[in-house]
Amino acid sequence: MSEMYVKDVIFSFRHLYLKNLEKINQKLKKYINYDSSLIDDITIYIDNGKYKDTSIRAKFKFKKRSFGRTLCNISEFLGKDYYLRYPAVISKDEKGEYSSSKGLSIKKQKIAREIECLLKEEFNKQISGSFSCNGTNVTFTGHDITISSPDFIVCYDCVGDIIYVYSRNHMTLWEILNTKFDISELDEYHKSFVKKEKKIVDAESCETDPNNPGDYTITEKEKAFTLKRIKNSKLSRYI
């Protein structure tokens, strides 16, 4: 058997995901216009889950206390749809040209060549996969990792650099991250990146709901990963 902790899988891949996300944004942002002054920034990522066609998405980002953030807060509170709350989709038409959904526009069709090159790079070609490891399912997409067992679901999402979890029974985040499982069913590409995590994982706040261990942002320090709990119902701001 080849056993690893949940945290080993997540943190072994985290730098790989963040490095790829940075590369995508460096290459593609220069071809995109913001169609609204409410948008302060975007995070571009590739959404290539097992059951989806590959697409490019852009999450809108807002400064604290900005008018754009205020509008999103109001629409969220009222339960109203508002385009800035959801990622924009950058897609290719039958002519091979790219366009975006509301909020953004493509200013140079050279973006098509950049996307083509990005999709051919090793990470984007190989990262997607779904594996069943003796009752624990592990799924990799272009921007997240989901590990689910009969007792819990934990997901790492690089778009917000966060971990969010759900527990069917009373389990703390630490129990989930320190759960061992057999990774022998992963393919050689994924298995080659999984290493024992030497840094400790600590937190700035504790779980309060026995069935909801919490959603956390990640800060990496020299000898530890510090997880800071996201306030209730605020997860959508990060992903």
C-alpha atoms as a PDB file:
ATOM      1  CA  MET A   1       0.000   0.000   0.000  1.00  0.00           C
ATOM      2  CA  SER A   2       1.059   3.574  -0.643  1.00  0.00           C
ATOM      3  CA  GLU A   3      -0.615   5.636   2.050  1.00  0.00           C
ATOM      4  CA  MET A   4      -0.527   9.401   2.289  1.00  0.00           C
ATOM      5  CA  TYR A   5      -2.424  11.978   4.308  1.00  0.00           C
ATOM      6  CA  VAL A   6      -5.062  14.187   2.707  1.00  0.00           C
ATOM      7  CA  LYS A   7      -2.855  17.201   3.471  1.00  0.00           C
ATOM      8  CA  ASP A   8       0.065  15.557   1.606  1.00  0.00           C
ATOM      9  CA  VAL A   9      -1.954  15.421  -1.605  1.00  0.00           C
ATOM     10  CA  ILE A  10      -3.294  18.975  -1.317  1.00  0.00           C
ATOM     11  CA  PHE A  11      -0.061  20.707  -0.373  1.00  0.00           C
ATOM     12  CA  SER A  12       2.093  18.650  -2.750  1.00  0.00           C
ATOM     13  CA  PHE A  13       0.109  20.087  -5.658  1.00  0.00           C
ATOM     14  CA  ARG A  14      -0.596  23.586  -4.320  1.00  0.00           C
ATOM     15  CA  HIS A  15       2.551  25.263  -5.675  1.00  0.00           C
ATOM     16  CA  LEU A  16       2.073  23.553  -9.042  1.00  0.00           C
ATOM     17  CA  TYR A  17      -1.484  24.914  -9.284  1.00  0.00           C
ATOM     18  CA  LEU A  18      -0.528  28.427  -8.189  1.00  0.00           C
ATOM     19  CA  LYS A  19       2.421  28.576 -10.594  1.00  0.00           C
ATOM     20  CA  ASN A  20       0.186  27.511 -13.489  1.00  0.00           C
ATOM     21  CA  LEU A  21      -2.499  30.013 -12.484  1.00  0.00           C
ATOM     22  CA  GLU A  22       0.088  32.806 -12.455  1.00  0.00           C
ATOM     23  CA  LYS A  23       1.318  31.784 -15.919  1.00  0.00           C
ATOM     24  CA  ILE A  24      -2.224  31.769 -17.342  1.00  0.00           C
ATOM     25  CA  ASN A  25      -2.909  35.251 -16.004  1.00  0.00           C
ATOM     26  CA  GLN A  26       0.398  36.681 -17.230  1.00  0.00           C
ATOM     27  CA  LYS A  27      -0.243  35.398 -20.747  1.00  0.00           C
ATOM     28  CA  LEU A  28      -3.962  36.144 -21.149  1.00  0.00           C
ATOM     29  CA  LYS A  29      -4.764  39.338 -19.224  1.00  0.00           C
ATOM     30  CA  LYS A  30      -3.096  41.561 -21.822  1.00  0.00           C
ATOM     31  CA  TYR A  31      -5.691  40.474 -24.400  1.00  0.00           C
ATOM     32  CA  ILE A  32      -8.715  41.332 -22.259  1.00  0.00           C
ATOM     33  CA  ASN A  33     -10.574  44.609 -21.607  1.00  0.00           C
ATOM     34  CA  TYR A  34     -12.751  45.326 -18.570  1.00  0.00           C
ATOM     35  CA  ASP A  35     -16.091  46.641 -19.802  1.00  0.00           C
ATOM     36  CA  SER A  36     -17.044  48.092 -16.433  1.00  0.00           C
ATOM     37  CA  SER A  37     -15.237  50.480 -14.089  1.00  0.00           C
ATOM     38  CA  LEU A  38     -16.667  48.379 -11.247  1.00  0.00           C
ATOM     39  CA  ILE A  39     -14.157  45.617 -11.978  1.00  0.00           C
ATOM     40  CA  ASP A  40     -10.819  46.100 -10.217  1.00  0.00           C
ATOM     41  CA  ASP A  41      -9.114  42.889 -11.337  1.00  0.00           C
ATOM     42  CA  ILE A  42      -9.748  39.362 -12.597  1.00  0.00           C
ATOM     43  CA  THR A  43      -8.342  35.876 -12.039  1.00  0.00           C
ATOM     44  CA  ILE A  44      -8.305  33.757 -15.202  1.00  0.00           C
ATOM     45  CA  TYR A  45      -8.355  29.971 -14.926  1.00  0.00           C
ATOM     46  CA  ILE A  46      -8.938  26.888 -17.048  1.00  0.00           C
ATOM     47  CA  ASP A  47     -12.012  24.863 -16.144  1.00  0.00           C
ATOM     48  CA  ASN A  48     -11.426  21.360 -17.521  1.00  0.00           C
ATOM     49  CA  GLY A  49     -13.292  18.936 -15.284  1.00  0.00           C
ATOM     50  CA  LYS A  50     -13.893  15.367 -16.400  1.00  0.00           C
ATOM     51  CA  TYR A  51     -17.473  16.020 -17.481  1.00  0.00           C
ATOM     52  CA  LYS A  52     -16.924  19.486 -18.984  1.00  0.00           C
ATOM     53  CA  ASP A  53     -15.543  20.869 -22.182  1.00  0.00           C
ATOM     54  CA  THR A  54     -12.395  22.863 -21.576  1.00  0.00           C
ATOM     55  CA  SER A  55     -13.262  26.528 -21.088  1.00  0.00           C
ATOM     56  CA  ILE A  56     -11.495  29.656 -19.904  1.00  0.00           C
ATOM     57  CA  ARG A  57     -13.129  31.518 -17.044  1.00  0.00           C
ATOM     58  CA  ALA A  58     -12.402  34.810 -15.326  1.00  0.00           C
ATOM     59  CA  LYS A  59     -13.432  35.563 -11.760  1.00  0.00           C
ATOM     60  CA  PHE A  60     -14.078  39.245 -11.060  1.00  0.00           C
ATOM     61  CA  LYS A  61     -12.162  40.800  -8.164  1.00  0.00           C
ATOM     62  CA  PHE A  62     -13.051  43.934  -6.202  1.00  0.00           C
ATOM     63  CA  LYS A  63     -11.282  46.133  -3.712  1.00  0.00           C
ATOM     64  CA  LYS A  64     -12.662  46.257  -0.182  1.00  0.00           C
ATOM     65  CA  ARG A  65     -15.492  48.764   0.227  1.00  0.00           C
ATOM     66  CA  SER A  66     -15.550  49.430  -3.522  1.00  0.00           C
ATOM     67  CA  PHE A  67     -18.826  50.143  -5.314  1.00  0.00           C
ATOM     68  CA  GLY A  68     -18.519  46.870  -7.226  1.00  0.00           C
ATOM     69  CA  ARG A  69     -18.142  44.907  -3.990  1.00  0.00           C
ATOM     70  CA  THR A  70     -21.089  46.776  -2.467  1.00  0.00           C
ATOM     71  CA  LEU A  71     -23.330  45.906  -5.437  1.00  0.00           C
ATOM     72  CA  CYS A  72     -22.318  42.261  -5.194  1.00  0.00           C
ATOM     73  CA  ASN A  73     -23.030  42.235  -1.458  1.00  0.00           C
ATOM     74  CA  ILE A  74     -26.482  43.750  -1.986  1.00  0.00           C
ATOM     75  CA  SER A  75     -27.393  41.321  -4.766  1.00  0.00           C
ATOM     76  CA  GLU A  76     -26.156  38.401  -2.672  1.00  0.00           C
ATOM     77  CA  PHE A  77     -28.173  39.580   0.349  1.00  0.00           C
ATOM     78  CA  LEU A  78     -31.327  39.976  -1.761  1.00  0.00           C
ATOM     79  CA  GLY A  79     -30.769  36.656  -3.521  1.00  0.00           C
ATOM     80  CA  LYS A  80     -30.628  38.375  -6.901  1.00  0.00           C
ATOM     81  CA  ASP A  81     -28.479  37.293  -9.844  1.00  0.00           C
ATOM     82  CA  TYR A  82     -25.847  39.821 -10.844  1.00  0.00           C
ATOM     83  CA  TYR A  83     -23.270  39.107 -13.527  1.00  0.00           C
ATOM     84  CA  LEU A  84     -20.318  40.337 -11.453  1.00  0.00           C
ATOM     85  CA  ARG A  85     -21.010  37.617  -8.876  1.00  0.00           C
ATOM     86  CA  TYR A  86     -20.213  34.845 -11.342  1.00  0.00           C
ATOM     87  CA  PRO A  87     -17.144  34.055 -13.467  1.00  0.00           C
ATOM     88  CA  ALA A  88     -17.117  35.343 -17.033  1.00  0.00           C
ATOM     89  CA  VAL A  89     -16.753  32.652 -19.691  1.00  0.00           C
ATOM     90  CA  ILE A  90     -14.214  33.164 -22.463  1.00  0.00           C
ATOM     91  CA  SER A  91     -15.164  30.864 -25.340  1.00  0.00           C
ATOM     92  CA  LYS A  92     -14.332  30.134 -28.967  1.00  0.00           C
ATOM     93  CA  ASP A  93     -16.925  30.314 -31.733  1.00  0.00           C
ATOM     94  CA  GLU A  94     -17.185  28.202 -34.880  1.00  0.00           C
ATOM     95  CA  LYS A  95     -14.815  30.606 -36.673  1.00  0.00           C
ATOM     96  CA  GLY A  96     -12.126  30.025 -34.052  1.00  0.00           C
ATOM     97  CA  GLU A  97     -12.428  33.509 -32.548  1.00  0.00           C
ATOM     98  CA  TYR A  98     -12.743  34.140 -28.828  1.00  0.00           C
ATOM     99  CA  SER A  99     -15.296  36.318 -27.068  1.00  0.00           C
ATOM    100  CA  SER A 100     -16.393  36.747 -23.463  1.00  0.00           C
ATOM    101  CA  SER A 101     -19.637  36.855 -21.548  1.00  0.00           C
ATOM    102  CA  LYS A 102     -20.742  40.097 -19.873  1.00  0.00           C
ATOM    103  CA  GLY A 103     -18.151  42.209 -18.095  1.00  0.00           C
ATOM    104  CA  LEU A 104     -15.161  41.533 -20.326  1.00  0.00           C
ATOM    105  CA  SER A 105     -14.272  41.772 -23.993  1.00  0.00           C
ATOM    106  CA  ILE A 106     -11.411  40.382 -26.040  1.00  0.00           C
ATOM    107  CA  LYS A 107      -9.249  43.156 -27.494  1.00  0.00           C
ATOM    108  CA  LYS A 108      -6.817  40.969 -29.492  1.00  0.00           C
ATOM    109  CA  GLN A 109      -7.531  37.677 -31.216  1.00  0.00           C
ATOM    110  CA  LYS A 110      -3.904  36.704 -30.581  1.00  0.00           C
ATOM    111  CA  ILE A 111      -5.378  35.282 -27.369  1.00  0.00           C
ATOM    112  CA  ALA A 112      -6.392  32.215 -29.425  1.00  0.00           C
ATOM    113  CA  ARG A 113      -2.756  31.293 -30.025  1.00  0.00           C
ATOM    114  CA  GLU A 114      -1.842  31.825 -26.366  1.00  0.00           C
ATOM    115  CA  ILE A 115      -4.711  29.597 -25.210  1.00  0.00           C
ATOM    116  CA  GLU A 116      -3.744  26.917 -27.721  1.00  0.00           C
ATOM    117  CA  CYS A 117      -0.173  26.906 -26.388  1.00  0.00           C
ATOM    118  CA  LEU A 118      -1.309  26.847 -22.752  1.00  0.00           C
ATOM    119  CA  LEU A 119      -3.594  23.868 -23.336  1.00  0.00           C
ATOM    120  CA  LYS A 120      -0.663  21.935 -24.815  1.00  0.00           C
ATOM    121  CA  GLU A 121       1.553  22.451 -21.763  1.00  0.00           C
ATOM    122  CA  GLU A 122       2.094  19.475 -19.469  1.00  0.00           C
ATOM    123  CA  PHE A 123       0.050  20.707 -16.517  1.00  0.00           C
ATOM    124  CA  ASN A 124      -3.106  21.454 -18.503  1.00  0.00           C
ATOM    125  CA  LYS A 125      -2.773  18.295 -20.596  1.00  0.00           C
ATOM    126  CA  GLN A 126      -2.183  15.931 -17.674  1.00  0.00           C
ATOM    127  CA  ILE A 127      -3.690  17.375 -14.498  1.00  0.00           C
ATOM    128  CA  SER A 128      -7.335  16.387 -15.050  1.00  0.00           C
ATOM    129  CA  GLY A 129      -8.242  12.960 -13.740  1.00  0.00           C
ATOM    130  CA  SER A 130     -10.564  11.043 -11.434  1.00  0.00           C
ATOM    131  CA  PHE A 131      -9.404   8.103  -9.322  1.00  0.00           C
ATOM    132  CA  SER A 132     -11.063   5.702  -6.872  1.00  0.00           C
ATOM    133  CA  CYS A 133      -8.707   4.750  -4.055  1.00  0.00           C
ATOM    134  CA  ASN A 134     -10.326   2.071  -1.878  1.00  0.00           C
ATOM    135  CA  GLY A 135     -13.434   4.079  -1.072  1.00  0.00           C
ATOM    136  CA  THR A 136     -11.831   7.498  -1.359  1.00  0.00           C
ATOM    137  CA  ASN A 137     -12.348   9.387  -4.627  1.00  0.00           C
ATOM    138  CA  VAL A 138      -9.782  11.917  -5.802  1.00  0.00           C
ATOM    139  CA  THR A 139     -10.573  14.299  -8.660  1.00  0.00           C
ATOM    140  CA  PHE A 140      -8.208  16.813 -10.241  1.00  0.00           C
ATOM    141  CA  THR A 141      -9.329  19.594 -12.598  1.00  0.00           C
ATOM    142  CA  GLY A 142      -7.411  22.555 -13.992  1.00  0.00           C
ATOM    143  CA  HIS A 143      -8.004  24.620 -10.854  1.00  0.00           C
ATOM    144  CA  ASP A 144      -9.068  22.356  -7.963  1.00  0.00           C
ATOM    145  CA  ILE A 145      -8.586  19.037  -6.165  1.00  0.00           C
ATOM    146  CA  THR A 146     -11.520  17.260  -4.528  1.00  0.00           C
ATOM    147  CA  ILE A 147     -11.054  14.332  -2.132  1.00  0.00           C
ATOM    148  CA  SER A 148     -14.228  12.594  -0.976  1.00  0.00           C
ATOM    149  CA  SER A 149     -14.753   9.642   1.343  1.00  0.00           C
ATOM    150  CA  PRO A 150     -17.846   8.215   3.085  1.00  0.00           C
ATOM    151  CA  ASP A 151     -17.100  10.613   5.973  1.00  0.00           C
ATOM    152  CA  PHE A 152     -16.090  13.902   4.360  1.00  0.00           C
ATOM    153  CA  ILE A 153     -15.463  15.979   1.257  1.00  0.00           C
ATOM    154  CA  VAL A 154     -12.505  18.356   1.115  1.00  0.00           C
ATOM    155  CA  CYS A 155     -11.596  20.608  -1.802  1.00  0.00           C
ATOM    156  CA  TYR A 156      -8.589  22.779  -2.561  1.00  0.00           C
ATOM    157  CA  ASP A 157      -9.286  25.569  -5.058  1.00  0.00           C
ATOM    158  CA  CYS A 158      -6.324  27.558  -6.370  1.00  0.00           C
ATOM    159  CA  VAL A 159      -8.481  30.445  -7.665  1.00  0.00           C
ATOM    160  CA  GLY A 160      -8.886  31.730  -4.114  1.00  0.00           C
ATOM    161  CA  ASP A 161      -6.077  29.595  -2.626  1.00  0.00           C
ATOM    162  CA  ILE A 162      -8.553  28.089  -0.206  1.00  0.00           C
ATOM    163  CA  ILE A 163      -9.629  24.809   1.379  1.00  0.00           C
ATOM    164  CA  TYR A 164     -13.321  24.131   1.937  1.00  0.00           C
ATOM    165  CA  VAL A 165     -14.823  21.044   3.517  1.00  0.00           C
ATOM    166  CA  TYR A 166     -18.010  19.215   4.389  1.00  0.00           C
ATOM    167  CA  SER A 167     -18.315  16.451   6.979  1.00  0.00           C
ATOM    168  CA  ARG A 168     -21.176  13.953   7.107  1.00  0.00           C
ATOM    169  CA  ASN A 169     -20.220  13.144  10.684  1.00  0.00           C
ATOM    170  CA  HIS A 170     -18.554  15.155  13.415  1.00  0.00           C
ATOM    171  CA  MET A 171     -14.982  15.608  12.158  1.00  0.00           C
ATOM    172  CA  THR A 172     -12.656  18.535  12.625  1.00  0.00           C
ATOM    173  CA  LEU A 173     -10.642  20.011   9.773  1.00  0.00           C
ATOM    174  CA  TRP A 174      -7.484  18.574  11.361  1.00  0.00           C
ATOM    175  CA  GLU A 175      -8.919  15.066  11.469  1.00  0.00           C
ATOM    176  CA  ILE A 176      -9.832  15.367   7.796  1.00  0.00           C
ATOM    177  CA  LEU A 177      -6.449  16.730   6.694  1.00  0.00           C
ATOM    178  CA  ASN A 178      -4.694  13.998   8.703  1.00  0.00           C
ATOM    179  CA  THR A 179      -6.770  11.142   7.298  1.00  0.00           C
ATOM    180  CA  LYS A 180      -4.637   8.548   5.531  1.00  0.00           C
ATOM    181  CA  PHE A 181      -5.670   6.847   2.321  1.00  0.00           C
ATOM    182  CA  ASP A 182      -4.071   4.623  -0.295  1.00  0.00           C
ATOM    183  CA  ILE A 183      -2.915   6.586  -3.356  1.00  0.00           C
ATOM    184  CA  SER A 184      -1.779   3.559  -5.347  1.00  0.00           C
ATOM    185  CA  GLU A 185      -4.649   4.029  -7.843  1.00  0.00           C
ATOM    186  CA  LEU A 186      -3.393   7.464  -8.918  1.00  0.00           C
ATOM    187  CA  ASP A 187      -1.646   7.443 -12.276  1.00  0.00           C
ATOM    188  CA  GLU A 188       2.128   7.888 -12.466  1.00  0.00           C
ATOM    189  CA  TYR A 189       1.889  11.603 -13.312  1.00  0.00           C
ATOM    190  CA  HIS A 190      -0.109  12.478 -10.195  1.00  0.00           C
ATOM    191  CA  LYS A 191       1.662  10.001  -7.947  1.00  0.00           C
ATOM    192  CA  SER A 192       5.040  11.501  -8.836  1.00  0.00           C
ATOM    193  CA  PHE A 193       4.132  14.835  -7.195  1.00  0.00           C
ATOM    194  CA  VAL A 194       2.773  13.520  -3.868  1.00  0.00           C
ATOM    195  CA  LYS A 195       5.321  13.960  -1.075  1.00  0.00           C
ATOM    196  CA  LYS A 196       5.121  13.878   2.702  1.00  0.00           C
ATOM    197  CA  GLU A 197       4.301  17.394   3.909  1.00  0.00           C
ATOM    198  CA  LYS A 198       6.865  18.548   6.480  1.00  0.00           C
ATOM    199  CA  LYS A 199       5.294  21.890   7.368  1.00  0.00           C
ATOM    200  CA  ILE A 200       2.708  21.989  10.133  1.00  0.00           C
ATOM    201  CA  VAL A 201      -0.837  23.217   9.520  1.00  0.00           C
ATOM    202  CA  ASP A 202      -2.230  25.630  12.112  1.00  0.00           C
ATOM    203  CA  ALA A 203      -5.265  27.889  12.303  1.00  0.00           C
ATOM    204  CA  GLU A 204      -6.345  31.307  13.526  1.00  0.00           C
ATOM    205  CA  SER A 205      -9.872  30.199  14.404  1.00  0.00           C
ATOM    206  CA  CYS A 206     -11.680  27.062  15.545  1.00  0.00           C
ATOM    207  CA  GLU A 207     -14.592  25.070  14.189  1.00  0.00           C
ATOM    208  CA  THR A 208     -17.967  25.870  15.740  1.00  0.00           C
ATOM    209  CA  ASP A 209     -20.348  23.713  13.720  1.00  0.00           C
ATOM    210  CA  PRO A 210     -19.826  19.939  14.216  1.00  0.00           C
ATOM    211  CA  ASN A 211     -21.137  19.237  10.710  1.00  0.00           C
ATOM    212  CA  ASN A 212     -19.300  22.095   9.012  1.00  0.00           C
ATOM    213  CA  PRO A 213     -15.569  22.080   9.789  1.00  0.00           C
ATOM    214  CA  GLY A 214     -15.208  25.356   7.901  1.00  0.00           C
ATOM    215  CA  ASP A 215     -13.814  27.049   4.817  1.00  0.00           C
ATOM    216  CA  TYR A 216     -10.302  28.466   5.025  1.00  0.00           C
ATOM    217  CA  THR A 217      -7.892  30.744   3.187  1.00  0.00           C
ATOM    218  CA  ILE A 218      -4.252  29.633   3.145  1.00  0.00           C
ATOM    219  CA  THR A 219      -1.173  31.614   4.123  1.00  0.00           C
ATOM    220  CA  GLU A 220       2.203  29.921   3.782  1.00  0.00           C
ATOM    221  CA  LYS A 221       4.955  30.725   6.249  1.00  0.00           C
ATOM    222  CA  GLU A 222       8.481  29.391   6.601  1.00  0.00           C
ATOM    223  CA  LYS A 223       7.537  26.399   8.741  1.00  0.00           C
ATOM    224  CA  ALA A 224       3.740  26.284   8.585  1.00  0.00           C
ATOM    225  CA  PHE A 225       0.564  26.744   6.604  1.00  0.00           C
ATOM    226  CA  THR A 226      -1.819  29.038   8.462  1.00  0.00           C
ATOM    227  CA  LEU A 227      -5.505  28.544   7.712  1.00  0.00           C
ATOM    228  CA  LYS A 228      -7.854  31.437   8.432  1.00  0.00           C
ATOM    229  CA  ARG A 229     -11.544  30.687   8.571  1.00  0.00           C
ATOM    230  CA  ILE A 230     -13.765  32.355   5.989  1.00  0.00           C
ATOM    231  CA  LYS A 231     -16.861  33.986   7.443  1.00  0.00           C
ATOM    232  CA  ASN A 232     -20.150  32.190   6.958  1.00  0.00           C
ATOM    233  CA  SER A 233     -21.649  32.511   3.455  1.00  0.00           C
ATOM    234  CA  LYS A 234     -18.568  34.360   2.139  1.00  0.00           C
ATOM    235  CA  LEU A 235     -16.989  31.428   0.282  1.00  0.00           C
ATOM    236  CA  SER A 236     -18.358  32.662  -3.058  1.00  0.00           C
ATOM    237  CA  ARG A 237     -16.057  35.694  -2.857  1.00  0.00           C
ATOM    238  CA  TYR A 238     -13.039  33.444  -3.208  1.00  0.00           C
ATOM    239  CA  ILE A 239     -14.106  30.931  -5.887  1.00  0.00           C
END
